[in-house]
PDB file of all heavy atoms in Angstrom:
ATOM      1  N   ALA A   1    -162.153  39.453  61.511  1.00  0.00           N
ATOM      2  CA  ALA A   1    -161.369  39.601  60.274  1.00  0.00           C
ATOM      3  C   ALA A   1    -162.255  39.744  58.968  1.00  0.00           C
ATOM      4  O   ALA A   1    -162.092  40.666  58.127  1.00  0.00           O
ATOM      5  CB  ALA A   1    -160.648  38.264  60.065  1.00  0.00           C
ATOM      6  N   ALA A   2    -163.504  39.243  58.977  1.00  0.00           N
ATOM      7  CA  ALA A   2    -164.362  39.360  57.841  1.00  0.00           C
ATOM      8  C   ALA A   2    -165.034  40.757  57.928  1.00  0.00           C
ATOM      9  O   ALA A   2    -165.138  41.405  56.875  1.00  0.00           O
ATOM     10  CB  ALA A   2    -165.591  38.348  57.907  1.00  0.00           C
ATOM     11  N   ILE A   3    -165.249  41.278  59.135  1.00  0.00           N
ATOM     12  CA  ILE A   3    -165.743  42.697  59.248  1.00  0.00           C
ATOM     13  C   ILE A   3    -164.682  43.665  58.679  1.00  0.00           C
ATOM     14  O   ILE A   3    -165.095  44.611  57.950  1.00  0.00           O
ATOM     15  CB  ILE A   3    -166.224  43.023  60.715  1.00  0.00           C
ATOM     16  CG1 ILE A   3    -167.416  42.131  61.050  1.00  0.00           C
ATOM     17  CG2 ILE A   3    -166.409  44.483  60.792  1.00  0.00           C
ATOM     18  CD1 ILE A   3    -167.695  42.128  62.548  1.00  0.00           C
ATOM     19  N   GLU A   4    -163.505  43.435  59.085  1.00  0.00           N
ATOM     20  CA  GLU A   4    -162.367  44.270  58.584  1.00  0.00           C
ATOM     21  C   GLU A   4    -162.229  44.240  57.118  1.00  0.00           C
ATOM     22  O   GLU A   4    -162.137  45.283  56.393  1.00  0.00           O
ATOM     23  CB  GLU A   4    -161.073  43.871  59.233  1.00  0.00           C
ATOM     24  CG  GLU A   4    -159.858  44.738  58.818  1.00  0.00           C
ATOM     25  CD  GLU A   4    -158.576  44.192  59.447  1.00  0.00           C
ATOM     26  OE1 GLU A   4    -158.277  43.099  59.154  1.00  0.00           O
ATOM     27  OE2 GLU A   4    -158.040  45.017  60.131  1.00  0.00           O
ATOM     28  N   TYR A   5    -162.261  43.073  56.529  1.00  0.00           N
ATOM     29  CA  TYR A   5    -161.962  42.783  55.178  1.00  0.00           C
ATOM     30  C   TYR A   5    -163.255  43.563  54.351  1.00  0.00           C
ATOM     31  O   TYR A   5    -162.996  44.166  53.310  1.00  0.00           O
ATOM     32  CB  TYR A   5    -162.002  41.305  54.775  1.00  0.00           C
ATOM     33  CG  TYR A   5    -161.614  41.094  53.301  1.00  0.00           C
ATOM     34  CD1 TYR A   5    -160.350  40.970  52.869  1.00  0.00           C
ATOM     35  CD2 TYR A   5    -162.769  41.065  52.299  1.00  0.00           C
ATOM     36  CE1 TYR A   5    -160.093  40.791  51.496  1.00  0.00           C
ATOM     37  CE2 TYR A   5    -162.357  40.883  50.941  1.00  0.00           C
ATOM     38  CZ  TYR A   5    -161.064  40.786  50.595  1.00  0.00           C
ATOM     39  OH  TYR A   5    -160.824  40.523  49.266  1.00  0.00           O
ATOM     40  N   ALA A   6    -164.407  43.367  54.796  1.00  0.00           N
ATOM     41  CA  ALA A   6    -165.616  43.855  54.169  1.00  0.00           C
ATOM     42  C   ALA A   6    -165.446  45.397  54.069  1.00  0.00           C
ATOM     43  O   ALA A   6    -165.826  46.005  53.035  1.00  0.00           O
ATOM     44  CB  ALA A   6    -166.898  43.392  54.772  1.00  0.00           C
ATOM     45  N   GLY A   7    -165.173  46.054  55.130  1.00  0.00           N
ATOM     46  CA  GLY A   7    -164.972  47.587  55.025  1.00  0.00           C
ATOM     47  C   GLY A   7    -163.924  47.986  54.127  1.00  0.00           C
ATOM     48  O   GLY A   7    -164.041  48.919  53.373  1.00  0.00           O
ATOM     49  N   ARG A   8    -162.752  47.197  54.301  1.00  0.00           N
ATOM     50  CA  ARG A   8    -161.647  47.569  53.446  1.00  0.00           C
ATOM     51  C   ARG A   8    -162.051  47.374  51.829  1.00  0.00           C
ATOM     52  O   ARG A   8    -161.750  48.258  51.019  1.00  0.00           O
ATOM     53  CB  ARG A   8    -160.438  46.629  53.642  1.00  0.00           C
ATOM     54  CG  ARG A   8    -159.748  47.003  55.007  1.00  0.00           C
ATOM     55  CD  ARG A   8    -158.583  46.126  55.364  1.00  0.00           C
ATOM     56  NE  ARG A   8    -157.706  46.685  56.302  1.00  0.00           N
ATOM     57  CZ  ARG A   8    -156.771  46.022  56.927  1.00  0.00           C
ATOM     58  NH1 ARG A   8    -156.341  44.837  56.457  1.00  0.00           N
ATOM     59  NH2 ARG A   8    -155.982  46.490  57.806  1.00  0.00           N
ATOM     60  N   TRP A   9    -162.744  46.259  51.652  1.00  0.00           N
ATOM     61  CA  TRP A   9    -163.017  45.946  50.133  1.00  0.00           C
ATOM     62  C   TRP A   9    -164.151  47.172  49.673  1.00  0.00           C
ATOM     63  O   TRP A   9    -163.942  47.625  48.585  1.00  0.00           O
ATOM     64  CB  TRP A   9    -163.765  44.580  50.055  1.00  0.00           C
ATOM     65  CG  TRP A   9    -164.028  44.276  48.641  1.00  0.00           C
ATOM     66  CD1 TRP A   9    -163.269  43.713  47.832  1.00  0.00           C
ATOM     67  CD2 TRP A   9    -165.375  44.569  47.998  1.00  0.00           C
ATOM     68  NE1 TRP A   9    -163.897  43.517  46.552  1.00  0.00           N
ATOM     69  CE2 TRP A   9    -165.142  43.971  46.727  1.00  0.00           C
ATOM     70  CE3 TRP A   9    -166.571  45.005  48.401  1.00  0.00           C
ATOM     71  CZ2 TRP A   9    -166.124  44.046  45.656  1.00  0.00           C
ATOM     72  CZ3 TRP A   9    -167.549  45.079  47.331  1.00  0.00           C
ATOM     73  CH2 TRP A   9    -167.297  44.646  46.093  1.00  0.00           C
ATOM     74  N   ARG A  10    -165.192  47.481  50.508  1.00  0.00           N
ATOM     75  CA  ARG A  10    -165.970  48.517  50.014  1.00  0.00           C
ATOM     76  C   ARG A  10    -165.269  49.865  49.829  1.00  0.00           C
ATOM     77  O   ARG A  10    -165.653  50.525  48.880  1.00  0.00           O
ATOM     78  CB  ARG A  10    -167.073  48.704  51.108  1.00  0.00           C
ATOM     79  CG  ARG A  10    -168.197  47.794  51.046  1.00  0.00           C
ATOM     80  CD  ARG A  10    -169.459  48.140  51.955  1.00  0.00           C
ATOM     81  NE  ARG A  10    -168.987  48.519  53.316  1.00  0.00           N
ATOM     82  CZ  ARG A  10    -169.018  47.660  54.352  1.00  0.00           C
ATOM     83  NH1 ARG A  10    -169.379  46.355  54.212  1.00  0.00           N
ATOM     84  NH2 ARG A  10    -168.555  47.995  55.541  1.00  0.00           N
ATOM     85  N   ASP A  11    -164.352  50.144  50.579  1.00  0.00           N
ATOM     86  CA  ASP A  11    -163.594  51.475  50.560  1.00  0.00           C
ATOM     87  C   ASP A  11    -162.672  51.405  49.381  1.00  0.00           C
ATOM     88  O   ASP A  11    -162.295  52.633  48.925  1.00  0.00           O
ATOM     89  CB  ASP A  11    -162.864  51.729  51.799  1.00  0.00           C
ATOM     90  CG  ASP A  11    -163.879  52.031  53.018  1.00  0.00           C
ATOM     91  OD1 ASP A  11    -164.993  52.258  52.747  1.00  0.00           O
ATOM     92  OD2 ASP A  11    -163.342  52.028  54.154  1.00  0.00           O
ATOM     93  N   MET A  12    -162.130  50.311  49.062  1.00  0.00           N
ATOM     94  CA  MET A  12    -161.078  50.381  47.994  1.00  0.00           C
ATOM     95  C   MET A  12    -161.686  50.712  46.598  1.00  0.00           C
ATOM     96  O   MET A  12    -162.724  50.317  46.179  1.00  0.00           O
ATOM     97  CB  MET A  12    -160.577  48.860  47.842  1.00  0.00           C
ATOM     98  CG  MET A  12    -159.492  48.629  46.725  1.00  0.00           C
ATOM     99  SD  MET A  12    -159.029  46.892  46.644  1.00  0.00           S
ATOM    100  CE  MET A  12    -160.593  46.029  46.399  1.00  0.00           C
ATOM    101  N   PRO A  13    -160.970  51.648  45.924  1.00  0.00           N
ATOM    102  CA  PRO A  13    -161.449  52.129  44.559  1.00  0.00           C
ATOM    103  C   PRO A  13    -161.407  50.924  43.685  1.00  0.00           C
ATOM    104  O   PRO A  13    -160.390  50.218  43.697  1.00  0.00           O
ATOM    105  CB  PRO A  13    -160.526  53.238  44.198  1.00  0.00           C
ATOM    106  CG  PRO A  13    -159.998  53.683  45.519  1.00  0.00           C
ATOM    107  CD  PRO A  13    -159.894  52.389  46.411  1.00  0.00           C
ATOM    108  N   LYS A  14    -162.456  50.793  42.802  1.00  0.00           N
ATOM    109  CA  LYS A  14    -162.545  49.514  41.853  1.00  0.00           C
ATOM    110  C   LYS A  14    -162.952  49.994  40.571  1.00  0.00           C
ATOM    111  O   LYS A  14    -163.783  50.992  40.462  1.00  0.00           O
ATOM    112  CB  LYS A  14    -163.418  48.443  42.459  1.00  0.00           C
ATOM    113  CG  LYS A  14    -162.980  47.865  43.826  1.00  0.00           C
ATOM    114  CD  LYS A  14    -164.120  47.105  44.491  1.00  0.00           C
ATOM    115  CE  LYS A  14    -165.091  47.756  45.176  1.00  0.00           C
ATOM    116  NZ  LYS A  14    -164.694  48.612  46.391  1.00  0.00           N
ATOM    117  N   VAL A  15    -162.442  49.291  39.530  1.00  0.00           N
ATOM    118  CA  VAL A  15    -162.968  49.456  38.209  1.00  0.00           C
ATOM    119  C   VAL A  15    -163.457  48.007  37.671  1.00  0.00           C
ATOM    120  O   VAL A  15    -162.680  47.035  37.846  1.00  0.00           O
ATOM    121  CB  VAL A  15    -161.878  49.965  37.200  1.00  0.00           C
ATOM    122  CG1 VAL A  15    -162.370  50.047  35.820  1.00  0.00           C
ATOM    123  CG2 VAL A  15    -161.467  51.314  37.630  1.00  0.00           C
ATOM    124  N   VAL A  16    -164.547  47.977  37.238  1.00  0.00           N
ATOM    125  CA  VAL A  16    -165.028  46.641  36.678  1.00  0.00           C
ATOM    126  C   VAL A  16    -165.118  46.843  35.136  1.00  0.00           C
ATOM    127  O   VAL A  16    -165.738  47.724  34.605  1.00  0.00           O
ATOM    128  CB  VAL A  16    -166.462  46.341  37.151  1.00  0.00           C
ATOM    129  CG1 VAL A  16    -167.073  45.128  36.426  1.00  0.00           C
ATOM    130  CG2 VAL A  16    -166.457  46.046  38.670  1.00  0.00           C
ATOM    131  N   PHE A  17    -164.544  45.834  34.322  1.00  0.00           N
ATOM    132  CA  PHE A  17    -164.487  45.884  32.975  1.00  0.00           C
ATOM    133  C   PHE A  17    -165.600  44.794  32.488  1.00  0.00           C
ATOM    134  O   PHE A  17    -165.295  43.614  32.688  1.00  0.00           O
ATOM    135  CB  PHE A  17    -163.078  45.506  32.482  1.00  0.00           C
ATOM    136  CG  PHE A  17    -161.989  46.437  32.776  1.00  0.00           C
ATOM    137  CD1 PHE A  17    -161.478  46.596  33.984  1.00  0.00           C
ATOM    138  CD2 PHE A  17    -161.829  47.291  31.840  1.00  0.00           C
ATOM    139  CE1 PHE A  17    -160.555  47.466  34.277  1.00  0.00           C
ATOM    140  CE2 PHE A  17    -160.800  48.351  32.020  1.00  0.00           C
ATOM    141  CZ  PHE A  17    -160.158  48.353  33.226  1.00  0.00           C
ATOM    142  N   SER A  18    -166.683  45.301  31.904  1.00  0.00           N
ATOM    143  CA  SER A  18    -167.652  44.421  31.459  1.00  0.00           C
ATOM    144  C   SER A  18    -168.517  45.096  30.428  1.00  0.00           C
ATOM    145  O   SER A  18    -168.831  46.146  30.601  1.00  0.00           O
ATOM    146  CB  SER A  18    -168.574  43.874  32.620  1.00  0.00           C
ATOM    147  OG  SER A  18    -169.716  42.985  32.244  1.00  0.00           O
ATOM    148  N   SER A  19    -168.874  44.224  29.398  1.00  0.00           N
ATOM    149  CA  SER A  19    -170.016  44.803  28.486  1.00  0.00           C
ATOM    150  C   SER A  19    -171.322  44.267  28.884  1.00  0.00           C
ATOM    151  O   SER A  19    -172.364  44.712  28.263  1.00  0.00           O
ATOM    152  CB  SER A  19    -169.609  44.319  27.056  1.00  0.00           C
ATOM    153  OG  SER A  19    -169.508  43.018  26.829  1.00  0.00           O
ATOM    154  N   ARG A  20    -171.470  43.412  29.882  1.00  0.00           N
ATOM    155  CA  ARG A  20    -172.750  42.746  30.398  1.00  0.00           C
ATOM    156  C   ARG A  20    -173.335  43.391  31.579  1.00  0.00           C
ATOM    157  O   ARG A  20    -174.544  43.448  31.753  1.00  0.00           O
ATOM    158  CB  ARG A  20    -172.530  41.204  30.456  1.00  0.00           C
ATOM    159  CG  ARG A  20    -172.370  40.370  29.367  1.00  0.00           C
ATOM    160  CD  ARG A  20    -172.185  38.905  29.838  1.00  0.00           C
ATOM    161  NE  ARG A  20    -171.989  38.044  28.727  1.00  0.00           N
ATOM    162  CZ  ARG A  20    -171.735  36.706  28.814  1.00  0.00           C
ATOM    163  NH1 ARG A  20    -171.745  36.323  30.179  1.00  0.00           N
ATOM    164  NH2 ARG A  20    -171.505  36.030  27.834  1.00  0.00           N
ATOM    165  N   THR A  21    -172.421  43.882  32.409  1.00  0.00           N
ATOM    166  CA  THR A  21    -172.870  44.434  33.617  1.00  0.00           C
ATOM    167  C   THR A  21    -173.293  45.868  33.320  1.00  0.00           C
ATOM    168  O   THR A  21    -172.661  46.586  32.593  1.00  0.00           O
ATOM    169  CB  THR A  21    -171.547  44.438  34.662  1.00  0.00           C
ATOM    170  OG1 THR A  21    -171.166  43.189  34.853  1.00  0.00           O
ATOM    171  CG2 THR A  21    -171.951  45.046  35.887  1.00  0.00           C
ATOM    172  N   SER A  22    -174.383  46.244  33.992  1.00  0.00           N
ATOM    173  CA  SER A  22    -175.037  47.639  33.637  1.00  0.00           C
ATOM    174  C   SER A  22    -174.818  48.532  34.845  1.00  0.00           C
ATOM    175  O   SER A  22    -174.809  49.700  34.687  1.00  0.00           O
ATOM    176  CB  SER A  22    -176.352  47.480  33.351  1.00  0.00           C
ATOM    177  OG  SER A  22    -177.091  46.859  34.374  1.00  0.00           O
ATOM    178  N   THR A  23    -174.717  48.033  36.189  1.00  0.00           N
ATOM    179  CA  THR A  23    -174.463  48.943  37.211  1.00  0.00           C
ATOM    180  C   THR A  23    -173.447  48.336  38.199  1.00  0.00           C
ATOM    181  O   THR A  23    -173.355  47.144  38.295  1.00  0.00           O
ATOM    182  CB  THR A  23    -175.809  49.189  38.056  1.00  0.00           C
ATOM    183  OG1 THR A  23    -176.380  47.893  38.512  1.00  0.00           O
ATOM    184  CG2 THR A  23    -176.781  49.806  37.236  1.00  0.00           C
ATOM    185  N   VAL A  24    -172.776  49.217  38.810  1.00  0.00           N
ATOM    186  CA  VAL A  24    -171.868  48.857  39.868  1.00  0.00           C
ATOM    187  C   VAL A  24    -171.935  49.809  41.064  1.00  0.00           C
ATOM    188  O   VAL A  24    -172.594  50.818  40.957  1.00  0.00           O
ATOM    189  CB  VAL A  24    -170.381  48.910  39.404  1.00  0.00           C
ATOM    190  CG1 VAL A  24    -170.186  47.715  38.433  1.00  0.00           C
ATOM    191  CG2 VAL A  24    -169.896  50.157  38.855  1.00  0.00           C
ATOM    192  N   ASP A  25    -171.469  49.364  42.255  1.00  0.00           N
ATOM    193  CA  ASP A  25    -171.720  50.207  43.410  1.00  0.00           C
ATOM    194  C   ASP A  25    -170.413  49.963  44.307  1.00  0.00           C
ATOM    195  O   ASP A  25    -169.472  49.344  43.822  1.00  0.00           O
ATOM    196  CB  ASP A  25    -172.844  49.743  44.185  1.00  0.00           C
ATOM    197  CG  ASP A  25    -173.457  50.811  45.070  1.00  0.00           C
ATOM    198  OD1 ASP A  25    -172.636  51.905  45.386  1.00  0.00           O
ATOM    199  OD2 ASP A  25    -174.595  50.726  45.517  1.00  0.00           O
ATOM    200  N   TRP A  26    -170.284  50.523  45.452  1.00  0.00           N
ATOM    201  CA  TRP A  26    -169.290  50.351  46.537  1.00  0.00           C
ATOM    202  C   TRP A  26    -167.970  50.835  45.986  1.00  0.00           C
ATOM    203  O   TRP A  26    -166.931  50.289  45.818  1.00  0.00           O
ATOM    204  CB  TRP A  26    -169.144  48.879  46.846  1.00  0.00           C
ATOM    205  CG  TRP A  26    -170.562  48.392  47.144  1.00  0.00           C
ATOM    206  CD1 TRP A  26    -171.165  48.648  48.453  1.00  0.00           C
ATOM    207  CD2 TRP A  26    -171.373  47.367  46.593  1.00  0.00           C
ATOM    208  NE1 TRP A  26    -172.389  48.010  48.347  1.00  0.00           N
ATOM    209  CE2 TRP A  26    -172.524  47.191  47.203  1.00  0.00           C
ATOM    210  CE3 TRP A  26    -171.154  46.768  45.338  1.00  0.00           C
ATOM    211  CZ2 TRP A  26    -173.416  46.532  46.968  1.00  0.00           C
ATOM    212  CZ3 TRP A  26    -172.217  45.949  44.914  1.00  0.00           C
ATOM    213  CH2 TRP A  26    -173.389  45.799  45.635  1.00  0.00           C
ATOM    214  N   ASN A  27    -167.991  52.198  45.615  1.00  0.00           N
ATOM    215  CA  ASN A  27    -166.756  52.808  45.254  1.00  0.00           C
ATOM    216  C   ASN A  27    -166.157  52.291  43.939  1.00  0.00           C
ATOM    217  O   ASN A  27    -164.816  52.016  43.776  1.00  0.00           O
ATOM    218  CB  ASN A  27    -165.637  52.759  46.333  1.00  0.00           C
ATOM    219  CG  ASN A  27    -164.585  53.803  46.234  1.00  0.00           C
ATOM    220  OD1 ASN A  27    -164.855  54.903  45.575  1.00  0.00           O
ATOM    221  ND2 ASN A  27    -163.569  53.679  46.998  1.00  0.00           N
ATOM    222  N   THR A  28    -167.008  51.971  42.926  1.00  0.00           N
ATOM    223  CA  THR A  28    -166.711  51.210  41.807  1.00  0.00           C
ATOM    224  C   THR A  28    -167.075  52.118  40.527  1.00  0.00           C
ATOM    225  O   THR A  28    -168.136  52.584  40.531  1.00  0.00           O
ATOM    226  CB  THR A  28    -167.259  49.788  41.771  1.00  0.00           C
ATOM    227  OG1 THR A  28    -166.963  49.205  42.937  1.00  0.00           O
ATOM    228  CG2 THR A  28    -166.774  49.068  40.527  1.00  0.00           C
ATOM    229  N   ARG A  29    -166.281  51.863  39.410  1.00  0.00           N
ATOM    230  CA  ARG A  29    -166.609  52.505  38.076  1.00  0.00           C
ATOM    231  C   ARG A  29    -166.615  51.343  37.063  1.00  0.00           C
ATOM    232  O   ARG A  29    -165.723  50.536  37.142  1.00  0.00           O
ATOM    233  CB  ARG A  29    -165.425  53.511  37.791  1.00  0.00           C
ATOM    234  CG  ARG A  29    -165.596  54.140  36.422  1.00  0.00           C
ATOM    235  CD  ARG A  29    -164.621  55.242  36.339  1.00  0.00           C
ATOM    236  NE  ARG A  29    -163.174  54.885  36.337  1.00  0.00           N
ATOM    237  CZ  ARG A  29    -162.572  54.492  35.157  1.00  0.00           C
ATOM    238  NH1 ARG A  29    -163.217  54.559  34.009  1.00  0.00           N
ATOM    239  NH2 ARG A  29    -161.343  54.140  35.243  1.00  0.00           N
ATOM    240  N   LEU A  30    -167.546  51.451  36.233  1.00  0.00           N
ATOM    241  CA  LEU A  30    -167.706  50.631  35.071  1.00  0.00           C
ATOM    242  C   LEU A  30    -167.067  51.034  33.792  1.00  0.00           C
ATOM    243  O   LEU A  30    -167.299  52.140  33.441  1.00  0.00           O
ATOM    244  CB  LEU A  30    -169.273  50.229  34.843  1.00  0.00           C
ATOM    245  CG  LEU A  30    -169.627  49.284  33.751  1.00  0.00           C
ATOM    246  CD1 LEU A  30    -169.094  47.922  34.076  1.00  0.00           C
ATOM    247  CD2 LEU A  30    -171.223  49.373  33.501  1.00  0.00           C
ATOM    248  N   VAL A  31    -166.380  50.082  33.190  1.00  0.00           N
ATOM    249  CA  VAL A  31    -165.662  50.429  31.877  1.00  0.00           C
ATOM    250  C   VAL A  31    -166.179  49.400  30.910  1.00  0.00           C
ATOM    251  O   VAL A  31    -166.121  48.077  31.148  1.00  0.00           O
ATOM    252  CB  VAL A  31    -164.096  50.275  31.937  1.00  0.00           C
ATOM    253  CG1 VAL A  31    -163.569  50.456  30.426  1.00  0.00           C
ATOM    254  CG2 VAL A  31    -163.664  51.376  32.775  1.00  0.00           C
ATOM    255  N   THR A  32    -166.829  49.812  29.908  1.00  0.00           N
ATOM    256  CA  THR A  32    -167.442  48.878  28.788  1.00  0.00           C
ATOM    257  C   THR A  32    -166.492  48.762  27.563  1.00  0.00           C
ATOM    258  O   THR A  32    -166.711  48.029  26.695  1.00  0.00           O
ATOM    259  CB  THR A  32    -168.861  49.261  28.412  1.00  0.00           C
ATOM    260  OG1 THR A  32    -168.840  50.637  28.039  1.00  0.00           O
ATOM    261  CG2 THR A  32    -169.754  49.150  29.734  1.00  0.00           C
ATOM    262  N   GLY A  33    -165.601  49.635  27.502  1.00  0.00           N
ATOM    263  CA  GLY A  33    -164.795  49.739  26.218  1.00  0.00           C
ATOM    264  C   GLY A  33    -163.617  48.781  26.296  1.00  0.00           C
ATOM    265  O   GLY A  33    -163.519  47.931  27.089  1.00  0.00           O
ATOM    266  N   ASP A  34    -162.570  49.165  25.479  1.00  0.00           N
ATOM    267  CA  ASP A  34    -161.313  48.294  25.436  1.00  0.00           C
ATOM    268  C   ASP A  34    -160.597  48.208  26.715  1.00  0.00           C
ATOM    269  O   ASP A  34    -160.026  49.370  27.228  1.00  0.00           O
ATOM    270  CB  ASP A  34    -160.447  48.758  24.294  1.00  0.00           C
ATOM    271  CG  ASP A  34    -159.219  47.881  24.143  1.00  0.00           C
ATOM    272  OD1 ASP A  34    -159.489  46.730  23.702  1.00  0.00           O
ATOM    273  OD2 ASP A  34    -158.151  48.425  24.343  1.00  0.00           O
ATOM    274  N   ALA A  35    -160.477  47.146  27.340  1.00  0.00           N
ATOM    275  CA  ALA A  35    -159.813  47.016  28.569  1.00  0.00           C
ATOM    276  C   ALA A  35    -158.240  47.362  28.457  1.00  0.00           C
ATOM    277  O   ALA A  35    -157.826  48.004  29.396  1.00  0.00           O
ATOM    278  CB  ALA A  35    -159.926  45.568  29.147  1.00  0.00           C
ATOM    279  N   VAL A  36    -157.569  46.875  27.348  1.00  0.00           N
ATOM    280  CA  VAL A  36    -156.232  47.180  27.448  1.00  0.00           C
ATOM    281  C   VAL A  36    -155.907  48.599  27.264  1.00  0.00           C
ATOM    282  O   VAL A  36    -155.033  49.112  27.916  1.00  0.00           O
ATOM    283  CB  VAL A  36    -155.550  46.251  26.262  1.00  0.00           C
ATOM    284  CG1 VAL A  36    -154.107  46.710  25.989  1.00  0.00           C
ATOM    285  CG2 VAL A  36    -155.487  44.738  26.562  1.00  0.00           C
ATOM    286  N   THR A  37    -156.596  49.341  26.568  1.00  0.00           N
ATOM    287  CA  THR A  37    -156.523  50.730  26.381  1.00  0.00           C
ATOM    288  C   THR A  37    -156.734  51.384  27.703  1.00  0.00           C
ATOM    289  O   THR A  37    -155.881  52.316  28.096  1.00  0.00           O
ATOM    290  CB  THR A  37    -157.514  51.386  25.364  1.00  0.00           C
ATOM    291  OG1 THR A  37    -157.218  50.677  24.138  1.00  0.00           O
ATOM    292  CG2 THR A  37    -157.383  52.814  25.101  1.00  0.00           C
ATOM    293  N   GLU A  38    -157.710  51.104  28.484  1.00  0.00           N
ATOM    294  CA  GLU A  38    -158.027  51.825  29.806  1.00  0.00           C
ATOM    295  C   GLU A  38    -156.923  51.345  30.739  1.00  0.00           C
ATOM    296  O   GLU A  38    -156.509  52.265  31.540  1.00  0.00           O
ATOM    297  CB  GLU A  38    -159.407  51.344  30.300  1.00  0.00           C
ATOM    298  CG  GLU A  38    -159.817  52.103  31.549  1.00  0.00           C
ATOM    299  CD  GLU A  38    -159.902  53.538  31.516  1.00  0.00           C
ATOM    300  OE1 GLU A  38    -159.736  54.198  30.441  1.00  0.00           O
ATOM    301  OE2 GLU A  38    -160.014  54.040  32.699  1.00  0.00           O
ATOM    302  N   ILE A  39    -156.522  50.133  30.769  1.00  0.00           N
ATOM    303  CA  ILE A  39    -155.465  49.667  31.733  1.00  0.00           C
ATOM    304  C   ILE A  39    -154.265  50.476  31.486  1.00  0.00           C
ATOM    305  O   ILE A  39    -153.465  50.904  32.439  1.00  0.00           O
ATOM    306  CB  ILE A  39    -155.331  48.064  31.750  1.00  0.00           C
ATOM    307  CG1 ILE A  39    -156.611  47.403  32.334  1.00  0.00           C
ATOM    308  CG2 ILE A  39    -154.038  47.694  32.581  1.00  0.00           C
ATOM    309  CD1 ILE A  39    -156.592  45.907  32.030  1.00  0.00           C
ATOM    310  N   THR A  40    -153.844  50.598  30.214  1.00  0.00           N
ATOM    311  CA  THR A  40    -152.575  51.341  29.859  1.00  0.00           C
ATOM    312  C   THR A  40    -152.759  52.727  30.312  1.00  0.00           C
ATOM    313  O   THR A  40    -151.848  53.381  30.983  1.00  0.00           O
ATOM    314  CB  THR A  40    -152.406  51.243  28.301  1.00  0.00           C
ATOM    315  OG1 THR A  40    -152.351  49.979  27.975  1.00  0.00           O
ATOM    316  CG2 THR A  40    -151.225  52.137  28.034  1.00  0.00           C
ATOM    317  N   ARG A  41    -153.979  53.422  30.119  1.00  0.00           N
ATOM    318  CA  ARG A  41    -154.118  54.812  30.552  1.00  0.00           C
ATOM    319  C   ARG A  41    -154.051  54.898  32.226  1.00  0.00           C
ATOM    320  O   ARG A  41    -153.378  55.801  32.700  1.00  0.00           O
ATOM    321  CB  ARG A  41    -155.536  55.185  30.189  1.00  0.00           C
ATOM    322  CG  ARG A  41    -155.931  56.784  30.463  1.00  0.00           C
ATOM    323  CD  ARG A  41    -157.206  57.160  30.155  1.00  0.00           C
ATOM    324  NE  ARG A  41    -158.088  56.572  31.223  1.00  0.00           N
ATOM    325  CZ  ARG A  41    -158.322  57.108  32.451  1.00  0.00           C
ATOM    326  NH1 ARG A  41    -157.463  58.115  32.912  1.00  0.00           N
ATOM    327  NH2 ARG A  41    -159.154  56.590  33.225  1.00  0.00           N
ATOM    328  N   LEU A  42    -154.595  53.937  32.941  1.00  0.00           N
ATOM    329  CA  LEU A  42    -154.615  53.835  34.300  1.00  0.00           C
ATOM    330  C   LEU A  42    -153.118  53.661  34.792  1.00  0.00           C
ATOM    331  O   LEU A  42    -152.847  54.365  35.757  1.00  0.00           O
ATOM    332  CB  LEU A  42    -155.463  52.855  34.873  1.00  0.00           C
ATOM    333  CG  LEU A  42    -156.999  53.028  34.725  1.00  0.00           C
ATOM    334  CD1 LEU A  42    -157.791  51.846  34.909  1.00  0.00           C
ATOM    335  CD2 LEU A  42    -157.419  54.284  35.543  1.00  0.00           C
TER     336      LEU A  42
END
């Protein structure tokens, strides 16, 4: 079950909202701007 979840989690597209984080990985994009504006757009 953990093996299945780990693979699913890595494969799932992700967006991280942070002004402190500088890098992300594992099918992830970083957003440092206004979260509400970006969520509305998405």
